[in-house]
Amino acid sequence: MRFIIQYALCLIFFISGSSAFGQSGNIACTPVDKKIAIDEGVIHYLEVGKGVPVLLLHGLFAQKEQWTEVACALANQGNQVIAPDLPGYGASSNYPVSVYPLESQVKKLHQFLGAIKMGSAHIAGSSMGGAIAAMYAMQYPNEIKSLAFIGAPLGVIGWSPQVKNAIFNGINPFIPINQDQFNLEMSLLFYQPPQIDSAVSASLIKEYVDNNRHYQQVWDIVNFYDAVLMGGSTYRGKTFILWGEQDGIFNVSGLPALKKRFPQASARGIPEASHLLMLDQPQKVVDLYSHFLKP
């Protein structure tokens, strides 16, 4: 199955020129779409630029395309940027359900980076991708130049009151099955939710409905990792944390706990931003992260 939700939203932003993509609303480069076979499936990934390697990891039910503008901006500053569809997501959909535990994601990611010969890299992630990035850095510290959380990661703090209230009322806001539930999902993910044509939102909801059992299976697996970053060993290398101050998925009150877990971290909250920082505040993300990446 293809997780199409975030990809469709990216296209909506570009077509509408939404402020979620900064002042220009344009992409100054064209990432190359590549693929490589890893075990029983194929991992698809975007690559753009030359220079210091930077790996960008998306979150749950998302895709590589949500990084496009940030990837292009980082490439223009002298980086080789790789943004994969994680195994089982996006175009990398031909993997069994056993790939969704985060330990399996780390294993496949390690094989992927070895196969493309990326070498030592900066690694950054959003939401679930942030948890995977941290787990990878802990397991393979010698292969990581730095770790960054671009938005609140999974595994630090429990779901926000808004998410809990929805679930207590029988609604999973990550798997909406009608328009009201879809609107709720958008309000949790974005500081200023995009205006989406009704035909487009209907097609996105249909994807959730038609493949509901699979989405629920994946949700159930990933939900086991709600505290994955708060125990055991930690990564002591250079670390960067950005957290949206209006995050509707993981409340910003979790920021101090994350900073405490990563003693070398510099951290800051981002105003007027929710969960998907690379879409809410791409220019701010690029400015801050590129400064962090400088030697």
C-alpha atoms as a PDB file:
ATOM      1  CA  MET A   1       0.000   0.000   0.000  1.00  0.00           C
ATOM      2  CA  ARG A   2       1.122   3.563  -0.681  1.00  0.00           C
ATOM      3  CA  PHE A   3       0.769   6.111   2.105  1.00  0.00           C
ATOM      4  CA  ILE A   4      -0.313   9.082  -0.015  1.00  0.00           C
ATOM      5  CA  ILE A   5      -1.566  11.581   2.548  1.00  0.00           C
ATOM      6  CA  GLN A   6       1.460  13.802   3.120  1.00  0.00           C
ATOM      7  CA  TYR A   7       2.486  13.616  -0.558  1.00  0.00           C
ATOM      8  CA  ALA A   8      -0.910  14.921  -1.612  1.00  0.00           C
ATOM      9  CA  LEU A   9      -0.654  17.721   0.940  1.00  0.00           C
ATOM     10  CA  CYS A  10       2.757  18.698  -0.419  1.00  0.00           C
ATOM     11  CA  LEU A  11       1.306  18.991  -3.904  1.00  0.00           C
ATOM     12  CA  ILE A  12      -1.537  21.123  -2.566  1.00  0.00           C
ATOM     13  CA  PHE A  13       0.931  23.533  -0.953  1.00  0.00           C
ATOM     14  CA  PHE A  14       2.967  23.907  -4.125  1.00  0.00           C
ATOM     15  CA  ILE A  15      -0.048  24.405  -6.360  1.00  0.00           C
ATOM     16  CA  SER A  16      -1.710  26.928  -4.057  1.00  0.00           C
ATOM     17  CA  GLY A  17       1.502  28.814  -3.163  1.00  0.00           C
ATOM     18  CA  SER A  18       0.568  28.414   0.496  1.00  0.00           C
ATOM     19  CA  SER A  19       2.614  30.300   3.086  1.00  0.00           C
ATOM     20  CA  ALA A  20       3.539  26.888   4.484  1.00  0.00           C
ATOM     21  CA  PHE A  21       6.246  26.907   1.826  1.00  0.00           C
ATOM     22  CA  GLY A  22       7.680  30.292   2.660  1.00  0.00           C
ATOM     23  CA  GLN A  23       7.841  33.483   0.658  1.00  0.00           C
ATOM     24  CA  SER A  24       8.462  32.143  -2.824  1.00  0.00           C
ATOM     25  CA  GLY A  25       6.253  29.049  -2.937  1.00  0.00           C
ATOM     26  CA  ASN A  26       8.771  27.648  -5.429  1.00  0.00           C
ATOM     27  CA  ILE A  27      11.324  24.868  -5.488  1.00  0.00           C
ATOM     28  CA  ALA A  28      14.726  25.955  -6.799  1.00  0.00           C
ATOM     29  CA  CYS A  29      15.868  22.436  -7.646  1.00  0.00           C
ATOM     30  CA  THR A  30      14.591  19.058  -8.733  1.00  0.00           C
ATOM     31  CA  PRO A  31      15.569  16.106  -6.512  1.00  0.00           C
ATOM     32  CA  VAL A  32      16.289  12.872  -8.349  1.00  0.00           C
ATOM     33  CA  ASP A  33      13.958   9.977  -7.511  1.00  0.00           C
ATOM     34  CA  LYS A  34      16.011   6.824  -7.064  1.00  0.00           C
ATOM     35  CA  LYS A  35      15.458   3.302  -5.767  1.00  0.00           C
ATOM     36  CA  ILE A  36      17.467   0.360  -4.494  1.00  0.00           C
ATOM     37  CA  ALA A  37      16.527  -3.201  -3.520  1.00  0.00           C
ATOM     38  CA  ILE A  38      16.984  -3.990   0.183  1.00  0.00           C
ATOM     39  CA  ASP A  39      16.064  -7.524   1.294  1.00  0.00           C
ATOM     40  CA  GLU A  40      12.519  -8.380   0.247  1.00  0.00           C
ATOM     41  CA  GLY A  41      11.543  -4.907  -0.952  1.00  0.00           C
ATOM     42  CA  VAL A  42      12.714  -1.749  -2.698  1.00  0.00           C
ATOM     43  CA  ILE A  43      13.485   1.550  -0.962  1.00  0.00           C
ATOM     44  CA  HIS A  44      12.718   4.680  -2.973  1.00  0.00           C
ATOM     45  CA  TYR A  45      14.511   7.906  -2.091  1.00  0.00           C
ATOM     46  CA  LEU A  46      15.097  11.476  -3.190  1.00  0.00           C
ATOM     47  CA  GLU A  47      18.653  12.715  -3.679  1.00  0.00           C
ATOM     48  CA  VAL A  48      19.759  16.270  -4.356  1.00  0.00           C
ATOM     49  CA  GLY A  49      22.991  18.239  -4.103  1.00  0.00           C
ATOM     50  CA  LYS A  50      26.651  17.430  -3.479  1.00  0.00           C
ATOM     51  CA  GLY A  51      28.770  17.817  -0.391  1.00  0.00           C
ATOM     52  CA  VAL A  52      28.295  16.854   3.246  1.00  0.00           C
ATOM     53  CA  PRO A  53      25.652  14.070   3.523  1.00  0.00           C
ATOM     54  CA  VAL A  54      22.378  14.876   5.298  1.00  0.00           C
ATOM     55  CA  LEU A  55      19.697  12.213   5.818  1.00  0.00           C
ATOM     56  CA  LEU A  56      16.068  13.327   6.375  1.00  0.00           C
ATOM     57  CA  LEU A  57      13.480  10.879   7.790  1.00  0.00           C
ATOM     58  CA  HIS A  58       9.705  11.373   7.600  1.00  0.00           C
ATOM     59  CA  GLY A  59       7.101  10.431  10.183  1.00  0.00           C
ATOM     60  CA  LEU A  60       4.201   7.992  10.485  1.00  0.00           C
ATOM     61  CA  PHE A  61       1.924   7.676   7.424  1.00  0.00           C
ATOM     62  CA  ALA A  62       4.114  10.187   5.584  1.00  0.00           C
ATOM     63  CA  GLN A  63       6.486  10.279   2.616  1.00  0.00           C
ATOM     64  CA  LYS A  64       9.824  11.625   1.467  1.00  0.00           C
ATOM     65  CA  GLU A  65       8.226  14.447  -0.562  1.00  0.00           C
ATOM     66  CA  GLN A  66       7.375  16.427   2.558  1.00  0.00           C
ATOM     67  CA  TRP A  67      11.093  17.277   2.778  1.00  0.00           C
ATOM     68  CA  THR A  68      11.413  18.609  -0.789  1.00  0.00           C
ATOM     69  CA  GLU A  69      11.755  22.314  -0.075  1.00  0.00           C
ATOM     70  CA  VAL A  70      14.003  21.856   2.947  1.00  0.00           C
ATOM     71  CA  ALA A  71      16.135  19.352   1.004  1.00  0.00           C
ATOM     72  CA  CYS A  72      16.567  21.766  -1.895  1.00  0.00           C
ATOM     73  CA  ALA A  73      17.540  24.625   0.395  1.00  0.00           C
ATOM     74  CA  LEU A  74      20.111  22.469   2.204  1.00  0.00           C
ATOM     75  CA  ALA A  75      21.472  21.230  -1.137  1.00  0.00           C
ATOM     76  CA  ASN A  76      21.894  24.809  -2.305  1.00  0.00           C
ATOM     77  CA  GLN A  77      24.084  25.357   0.762  1.00  0.00           C
ATOM     78  CA  GLY A  78      26.514  22.588  -0.165  1.00  0.00           C
ATOM     79  CA  ASN A  79      24.998  19.367   1.133  1.00  0.00           C
ATOM     80  CA  GLN A  80      24.152  16.016  -0.397  1.00  0.00           C
ATOM     81  CA  VAL A  81      20.609  15.412   0.869  1.00  0.00           C
ATOM     82  CA  ILE A  82      18.929  11.997   0.942  1.00  0.00           C
ATOM     83  CA  ALA A  83      15.243  11.628   1.888  1.00  0.00           C
ATOM     84  CA  PRO A  84      13.988   8.027   1.721  1.00  0.00           C
ATOM     85  CA  ASP A  85      10.525   6.601   1.865  1.00  0.00           C
ATOM     86  CA  LEU A  86      11.063   4.452   4.950  1.00  0.00           C
ATOM     87  CA  PRO A  87      10.376   0.729   4.412  1.00  0.00           C
ATOM     88  CA  GLY A  88       6.614   0.153   4.198  1.00  0.00           C
ATOM     89  CA  TYR A  89       5.797   3.823   3.496  1.00  0.00           C
ATOM     90  CA  GLY A  90       5.308   5.865   0.352  1.00  0.00           C
ATOM     91  CA  ALA A  91       6.733   4.173  -2.717  1.00  0.00           C
ATOM     92  CA  SER A  92       8.704   1.752  -0.491  1.00  0.00           C
ATOM     93  CA  SER A  93       5.478  -0.109   0.144  1.00  0.00           C
ATOM     94  CA  ASN A  94       6.387  -3.652  -0.868  1.00  0.00           C
ATOM     95  CA  TYR A  95       7.489  -4.819   2.593  1.00  0.00           C
ATOM     96  CA  PRO A  96       5.645  -7.132   5.012  1.00  0.00           C
ATOM     97  CA  VAL A  97       4.054  -5.852   8.225  1.00  0.00           C
ATOM     98  CA  SER A  98       7.062  -7.148  10.171  1.00  0.00           C
ATOM     99  CA  VAL A  99       9.059  -4.147   8.892  1.00  0.00           C
ATOM    100  CA  TYR A 100       7.138  -1.591  10.988  1.00  0.00           C
ATOM    101  CA  PRO A 101       8.726  -2.107  14.439  1.00  0.00           C
ATOM    102  CA  LEU A 102      11.258   0.693  14.820  1.00  0.00           C
ATOM    103  CA  GLU A 103      14.157  -1.713  15.420  1.00  0.00           C
ATOM    104  CA  SER A 104      13.425  -3.188  11.982  1.00  0.00           C
ATOM    105  CA  GLN A 105      13.335   0.302  10.496  1.00  0.00           C
ATOM    106  CA  VAL A 106      16.796   1.013  11.946  1.00  0.00           C
ATOM    107  CA  LYS A 107      18.155  -2.265  10.574  1.00  0.00           C
ATOM    108  CA  LYS A 108      16.807  -1.623   7.074  1.00  0.00           C
ATOM    109  CA  LEU A 109      18.032   1.970   7.179  1.00  0.00           C
ATOM    110  CA  HIS A 110      21.538   0.769   8.028  1.00  0.00           C
ATOM    111  CA  GLN A 111      21.461  -1.628   5.092  1.00  0.00           C
ATOM    112  CA  PHE A 112      20.173   1.144   2.834  1.00  0.00           C
ATOM    113  CA  LEU A 113      22.915   3.600   3.781  1.00  0.00           C
ATOM    114  CA  GLY A 114      25.541   0.912   3.281  1.00  0.00           C
ATOM    115  CA  ALA A 115      24.115   0.040  -0.117  1.00  0.00           C
ATOM    116  CA  ILE A 116      24.163   3.635  -1.377  1.00  0.00           C
ATOM    117  CA  LYS A 117      27.594   4.200   0.217  1.00  0.00           C
ATOM    118  CA  MET A 118      26.523   7.413   1.890  1.00  0.00           C
ATOM    119  CA  GLY A 119      29.266   7.370   4.510  1.00  0.00           C
ATOM    120  CA  SER A 120      29.176   9.351   7.755  1.00  0.00           C
ATOM    121  CA  ALA A 121      26.146  11.655   7.705  1.00  0.00           C
ATOM    122  CA  HIS A 122      24.080  14.152   9.621  1.00  0.00           C
ATOM    123  CA  ILE A 123      20.721  12.549  10.422  1.00  0.00           C
ATOM    124  CA  ALA A 124      17.440  14.349  11.119  1.00  0.00           C
ATOM    125  CA  GLY A 125      13.883  13.190  11.560  1.00  0.00           C
ATOM    126  CA  SER A 126      10.315  14.343  12.063  1.00  0.00           C
ATOM    127  CA  SER A 127       7.961  12.659  14.557  1.00  0.00           C
ATOM    128  CA  MET A 128       8.411   8.881  14.156  1.00  0.00           C
ATOM    129  CA  GLY A 129      11.377   9.684  11.925  1.00  0.00           C
ATOM    130  CA  GLY A 130      12.940  11.553  14.833  1.00  0.00           C
ATOM    131  CA  ALA A 131      12.694   8.461  17.033  1.00  0.00           C
ATOM    132  CA  ILE A 132      14.219   6.315  14.283  1.00  0.00           C
ATOM    133  CA  ALA A 133      17.015   8.853  13.750  1.00  0.00           C
ATOM    134  CA  ALA A 134      17.828   8.839  17.478  1.00  0.00           C
ATOM    135  CA  MET A 135      17.754   5.051  17.689  1.00  0.00           C
ATOM    136  CA  TYR A 136      20.064   4.885  14.686  1.00  0.00           C
ATOM    137  CA  ALA A 137      22.479   7.398  16.223  1.00  0.00           C
ATOM    138  CA  MET A 138      22.548   5.428  19.481  1.00  0.00           C
ATOM    139  CA  GLN A 139      23.229   2.149  17.676  1.00  0.00           C
ATOM    140  CA  TYR A 140      25.721   3.484  15.124  1.00  0.00           C
ATOM    141  CA  PRO A 141      27.279   6.601  16.710  1.00  0.00           C
ATOM    142  CA  ASN A 142      30.467   6.362  14.669  1.00  0.00           C
ATOM    143  CA  GLU A 143      28.462   6.731  11.460  1.00  0.00           C
ATOM    144  CA  ILE A 144      26.673   9.906  12.574  1.00  0.00           C
ATOM    145  CA  LYS A 145      28.017  13.459  12.389  1.00  0.00           C
ATOM    146  CA  SER A 146      25.034  14.903  14.268  1.00  0.00           C
ATOM    147  CA  LEU A 147      21.437  14.179  15.244  1.00  0.00           C
ATOM    148  CA  ALA A 148      18.513  16.567  14.776  1.00  0.00           C
ATOM    149  CA  PHE A 149      14.835  16.469  15.707  1.00  0.00           C
ATOM    150  CA  ILE A 150      12.913  18.621  13.216  1.00  0.00           C
ATOM    151  CA  GLY A 151       9.752  18.820  15.264  1.00  0.00           C
ATOM    152  CA  ALA A 152       8.642  16.786  18.253  1.00  0.00           C
ATOM    153  CA  PRO A 153       9.727  13.143  18.044  1.00  0.00           C
ATOM    154  CA  LEU A 154       7.742  10.093  18.982  1.00  0.00           C
ATOM    155  CA  GLY A 155       8.935   8.511  22.216  1.00  0.00           C
ATOM    156  CA  VAL A 156       9.301  11.408  24.676  1.00  0.00           C
ATOM    157  CA  ILE A 157       5.873  12.498  25.883  1.00  0.00           C
ATOM    158  CA  GLY A 158       2.423  10.970  25.584  1.00  0.00           C
ATOM    159  CA  TRP A 159      -0.182  12.083  23.076  1.00  0.00           C
ATOM    160  CA  SER A 160      -1.521  15.609  23.471  1.00  0.00           C
ATOM    161  CA  PRO A 161      -4.854  16.207  25.253  1.00  0.00           C
ATOM    162  CA  GLN A 162      -6.451  16.810  21.839  1.00  0.00           C
ATOM    163  CA  VAL A 163      -5.333  13.401  20.547  1.00  0.00           C
ATOM    164  CA  LYS A 164      -6.333  11.642  23.769  1.00  0.00           C
ATOM    165  CA  ASN A 165      -9.771  13.242  23.769  1.00  0.00           C
ATOM    166  CA  ALA A 166     -10.340  12.110  20.186  1.00  0.00           C
ATOM    167  CA  ILE A 167      -9.268   8.539  20.947  1.00  0.00           C
ATOM    168  CA  PHE A 168     -11.416   8.448  24.103  1.00  0.00           C
ATOM    169  CA  ASN A 169     -14.351   9.368  21.825  1.00  0.00           C
ATOM    170  CA  GLY A 170     -13.610   6.519  19.433  1.00  0.00           C
ATOM    171  CA  ILE A 171     -11.771   8.602  16.818  1.00  0.00           C
ATOM    172  CA  ASN A 172      -8.215   7.963  15.700  1.00  0.00           C
ATOM    173  CA  PRO A 173      -7.232  11.362  14.262  1.00  0.00           C
ATOM    174  CA  PHE A 174      -4.371   9.756  12.309  1.00  0.00           C
ATOM    175  CA  ILE A 175      -6.781   7.453  10.453  1.00  0.00           C
ATOM    176  CA  PRO A 176      -9.786   9.700   9.612  1.00  0.00           C
ATOM    177  CA  ILE A 177     -12.803   8.046   8.017  1.00  0.00           C
ATOM    178  CA  ASN A 178     -14.954  11.140   7.354  1.00  0.00           C
ATOM    179  CA  GLN A 179     -14.530  14.842   6.636  1.00  0.00           C
ATOM    180  CA  ASP A 180     -14.835  15.997  10.247  1.00  0.00           C
ATOM    181  CA  GLN A 181     -12.129  13.573  11.349  1.00  0.00           C
ATOM    182  CA  PHE A 182      -9.920  14.653   8.450  1.00  0.00           C
ATOM    183  CA  ASN A 183     -10.332  18.293   9.473  1.00  0.00           C
ATOM    184  CA  LEU A 184      -9.312  17.332  13.010  1.00  0.00           C
ATOM    185  CA  GLU A 185      -6.158  15.642  11.702  1.00  0.00           C
ATOM    186  CA  MET A 186      -5.216  18.778   9.739  1.00  0.00           C
ATOM    187  CA  SER A 187      -5.792  21.003  12.776  1.00  0.00           C
ATOM    188  CA  LEU A 188      -3.421  18.847  14.837  1.00  0.00           C
ATOM    189  CA  LEU A 189      -0.686  18.655  12.211  1.00  0.00           C
ATOM    190  CA  PHE A 190      -0.616  22.297  11.071  1.00  0.00           C
ATOM    191  CA  TYR A 191      -0.595  25.665  12.792  1.00  0.00           C
ATOM    192  CA  GLN A 192      -2.628  27.029   9.871  1.00  0.00           C
ATOM    193  CA  PRO A 193      -4.296  24.062   8.137  1.00  0.00           C
ATOM    194  CA  PRO A 194      -4.248  24.306   4.334  1.00  0.00           C
ATOM    195  CA  GLN A 195      -7.416  24.836   2.324  1.00  0.00           C
ATOM    196  CA  ILE A 196      -8.024  21.513   0.598  1.00  0.00           C
ATOM    197  CA  ASP A 197     -10.491  20.981  -2.227  1.00  0.00           C
ATOM    198  CA  SER A 198     -13.337  18.692  -1.176  1.00  0.00           C
ATOM    199  CA  ALA A 199     -12.618  16.235  -4.008  1.00  0.00           C
ATOM    200  CA  VAL A 200      -8.997  15.921  -2.871  1.00  0.00           C
ATOM    201  CA  SER A 201      -9.902  15.414   0.782  1.00  0.00           C
ATOM    202  CA  ALA A 202     -12.508  12.838  -0.253  1.00  0.00           C
ATOM    203  CA  SER A 203      -9.858  10.849  -2.127  1.00  0.00           C
ATOM    204  CA  LEU A 204      -7.537  10.974   0.881  1.00  0.00           C
ATOM    205  CA  ILE A 205     -10.302   9.807   3.214  1.00  0.00           C
ATOM    206  CA  LYS A 206     -11.113   6.978   0.791  1.00  0.00           C
ATOM    207  CA  GLU A 207      -7.498   5.802   1.039  1.00  0.00           C
ATOM    208  CA  TYR A 208      -7.847   5.593   4.824  1.00  0.00           C
ATOM    209  CA  VAL A 209     -11.171   3.781   4.589  1.00  0.00           C
ATOM    210  CA  ASP A 210     -10.159   1.312   1.878  1.00  0.00           C
ATOM    211  CA  ASN A 211      -6.963   0.333   3.686  1.00  0.00           C
ATOM    212  CA  ASN A 212      -8.167   0.891   7.233  1.00  0.00           C
ATOM    213  CA  ARG A 213      -7.070  -2.443   8.634  1.00  0.00           C
ATOM    214  CA  HIS A 214      -3.499  -1.957   7.468  1.00  0.00           C
ATOM    215  CA  TYR A 215      -3.313   1.594   8.813  1.00  0.00           C
ATOM    216  CA  GLN A 216      -4.612   0.339  12.149  1.00  0.00           C
ATOM    217  CA  GLN A 217      -2.045  -2.471  12.224  1.00  0.00           C
ATOM    218  CA  VAL A 218       0.778  -0.006  11.658  1.00  0.00           C
ATOM    219  CA  TRP A 219      -0.614   2.411  14.252  1.00  0.00           C
ATOM    220  CA  ASP A 220      -0.834  -0.394  16.825  1.00  0.00           C
ATOM    221  CA  ILE A 221       2.816  -1.341  16.243  1.00  0.00           C
ATOM    222  CA  VAL A 222       4.257   2.175  16.314  1.00  0.00           C
ATOM    223  CA  ASN A 223       2.191   3.087  19.377  1.00  0.00           C
ATOM    224  CA  PHE A 224       4.311   0.651  21.435  1.00  0.00           C
ATOM    225  CA  TYR A 225       7.207   3.139  21.125  1.00  0.00           C
ATOM    226  CA  ASP A 226       5.623   5.998  23.073  1.00  0.00           C
ATOM    227  CA  ALA A 227       8.572   6.176  25.515  1.00  0.00           C
ATOM    228  CA  VAL A 228      11.366   4.731  23.371  1.00  0.00           C
ATOM    229  CA  LEU A 229      13.702   7.728  23.785  1.00  0.00           C
ATOM    230  CA  MET A 230      13.382   8.052  27.558  1.00  0.00           C
ATOM    231  CA  GLY A 231      15.293   5.033  28.822  1.00  0.00           C
ATOM    232  CA  GLY A 232      18.568   3.199  28.347  1.00  0.00           C
ATOM    233  CA  SER A 233      21.621   4.623  26.613  1.00  0.00           C
ATOM    234  CA  THR A 234      21.635   7.919  24.775  1.00  0.00           C
ATOM    235  CA  TYR A 235      23.517   9.654  21.971  1.00  0.00           C
ATOM    236  CA  ARG A 236      26.169  12.048  23.259  1.00  0.00           C
ATOM    237  CA  GLY A 237      27.168  13.642  20.004  1.00  0.00           C
ATOM    238  CA  LYS A 238      26.147  17.022  18.632  1.00  0.00           C
ATOM    239  CA  THR A 239      22.332  17.270  18.750  1.00  0.00           C
ATOM    240  CA  PHE A 240      19.735  19.813  17.668  1.00  0.00           C
ATOM    241  CA  ILE A 241      16.079  20.048  18.729  1.00  0.00           C
ATOM    242  CA  LEU A 242      13.264  22.091  17.178  1.00  0.00           C
ATOM    243  CA  TRP A 243       9.734  21.755  18.617  1.00  0.00           C
ATOM    244  CA  GLY A 244       6.618  23.597  17.448  1.00  0.00           C
ATOM    245  CA  GLU A 245       5.149  25.605  20.312  1.00  0.00           C
ATOM    246  CA  GLN A 246       1.611  24.859  19.085  1.00  0.00           C
ATOM    247  CA  ASP A 247       2.243  21.176  18.370  1.00  0.00           C
ATOM    248  CA  GLY A 248      -1.125  19.399  18.429  1.00  0.00           C
ATOM    249  CA  ILE A 249       0.367  15.893  18.545  1.00  0.00           C
ATOM    250  CA  PHE A 250       3.038  16.156  21.252  1.00  0.00           C
ATOM    251  CA  ASN A 251       2.773  19.149  23.580  1.00  0.00           C
ATOM    252  CA  VAL A 252       5.811  21.433  23.779  1.00  0.00           C
ATOM    253  CA  SER A 253       6.031  20.667  27.508  1.00  0.00           C
ATOM    254  CA  GLY A 254       8.011  17.607  26.422  1.00  0.00           C
ATOM    255  CA  LEU A 255      10.904  19.726  25.140  1.00  0.00           C
ATOM    256  CA  PRO A 256      12.841  19.970  28.463  1.00  0.00           C
ATOM    257  CA  ALA A 257      12.675  16.200  28.936  1.00  0.00           C
ATOM    258  CA  LEU A 258      14.093  15.598  25.470  1.00  0.00           C
ATOM    259  CA  LYS A 259      16.878  18.113  26.012  1.00  0.00           C
ATOM    260  CA  LYS A 260      17.785  16.453  29.303  1.00  0.00           C
ATOM    261  CA  ARG A 261      18.052  13.059  27.589  1.00  0.00           C
ATOM    262  CA  PHE A 262      20.516  14.428  25.018  1.00  0.00           C
ATOM    263  CA  PRO A 263      23.150  16.318  27.023  1.00  0.00           C
ATOM    264  CA  GLN A 264      24.883  17.862  23.978  1.00  0.00           C
ATOM    265  CA  ALA A 265      21.652  19.253  22.537  1.00  0.00           C
ATOM    266  CA  SER A 266      20.825  22.809  21.663  1.00  0.00           C
ATOM    267  CA  ALA A 267      17.069  23.298  21.607  1.00  0.00           C
ATOM    268  CA  ARG A 268      14.368  25.846  20.957  1.00  0.00           C
ATOM    269  CA  GLY A 269      10.634  26.079  20.514  1.00  0.00           C
ATOM    270  CA  ILE A 270       9.285  27.498  17.253  1.00  0.00           C
ATOM    271  CA  PRO A 271       6.304  29.871  17.577  1.00  0.00           C
ATOM    272  CA  GLU A 272       3.409  29.713  15.127  1.00  0.00           C
ATOM    273  CA  ALA A 273       4.252  26.125  14.286  1.00  0.00           C
ATOM    274  CA  SER A 274       2.664  22.766  15.014  1.00  0.00           C
ATOM    275  CA  HIS A 275       3.840  19.223  14.326  1.00  0.00           C
ATOM    276  CA  LEU A 276       5.099  19.304  10.728  1.00  0.00           C
ATOM    277  CA  LEU A 277       7.727  22.021  11.014  1.00  0.00           C
ATOM    278  CA  MET A 278       9.157  21.404   7.545  1.00  0.00           C
ATOM    279  CA  LEU A 279       5.753  22.370   6.113  1.00  0.00           C
ATOM    280  CA  ASP A 280       4.627  24.944   8.693  1.00  0.00           C
ATOM    281  CA  GLN A 281       7.915  26.874   8.900  1.00  0.00           C
ATOM    282  CA  PRO A 282      10.312  25.621   6.185  1.00  0.00           C
ATOM    283  CA  GLN A 283      12.371  28.801   5.979  1.00  0.00           C
ATOM    284  CA  LYS A 284      12.835  28.921   9.756  1.00  0.00           C
ATOM    285  CA  VAL A 285      13.819  25.239   9.756  1.00  0.00           C
ATOM    286  CA  VAL A 286      16.381  25.796   7.009  1.00  0.00           C
ATOM    287  CA  ASP A 287      17.855  28.892   8.647  1.00  0.00           C
ATOM    288  CA  LEU A 288      18.262  27.252  12.049  1.00  0.00           C
ATOM    289  CA  TYR A 289      19.299  23.792  10.902  1.00  0.00           C
ATOM    290  CA  SER A 290      21.813  25.027   8.324  1.00  0.00           C
ATOM    291  CA  HIS A 291      23.408  27.205  11.029  1.00  0.00           C
ATOM    292  CA  PHE A 292      23.626  24.157  13.286  1.00  0.00           C
ATOM    293  CA  LEU A 293      25.283  22.137  10.509  1.00  0.00           C
ATOM    294  CA  LYS A 294      28.113  24.612  10.040  1.00  0.00           C
ATOM    295  CA  PRO A 295      31.467  23.291  11.341  1.00  0.00           C
END
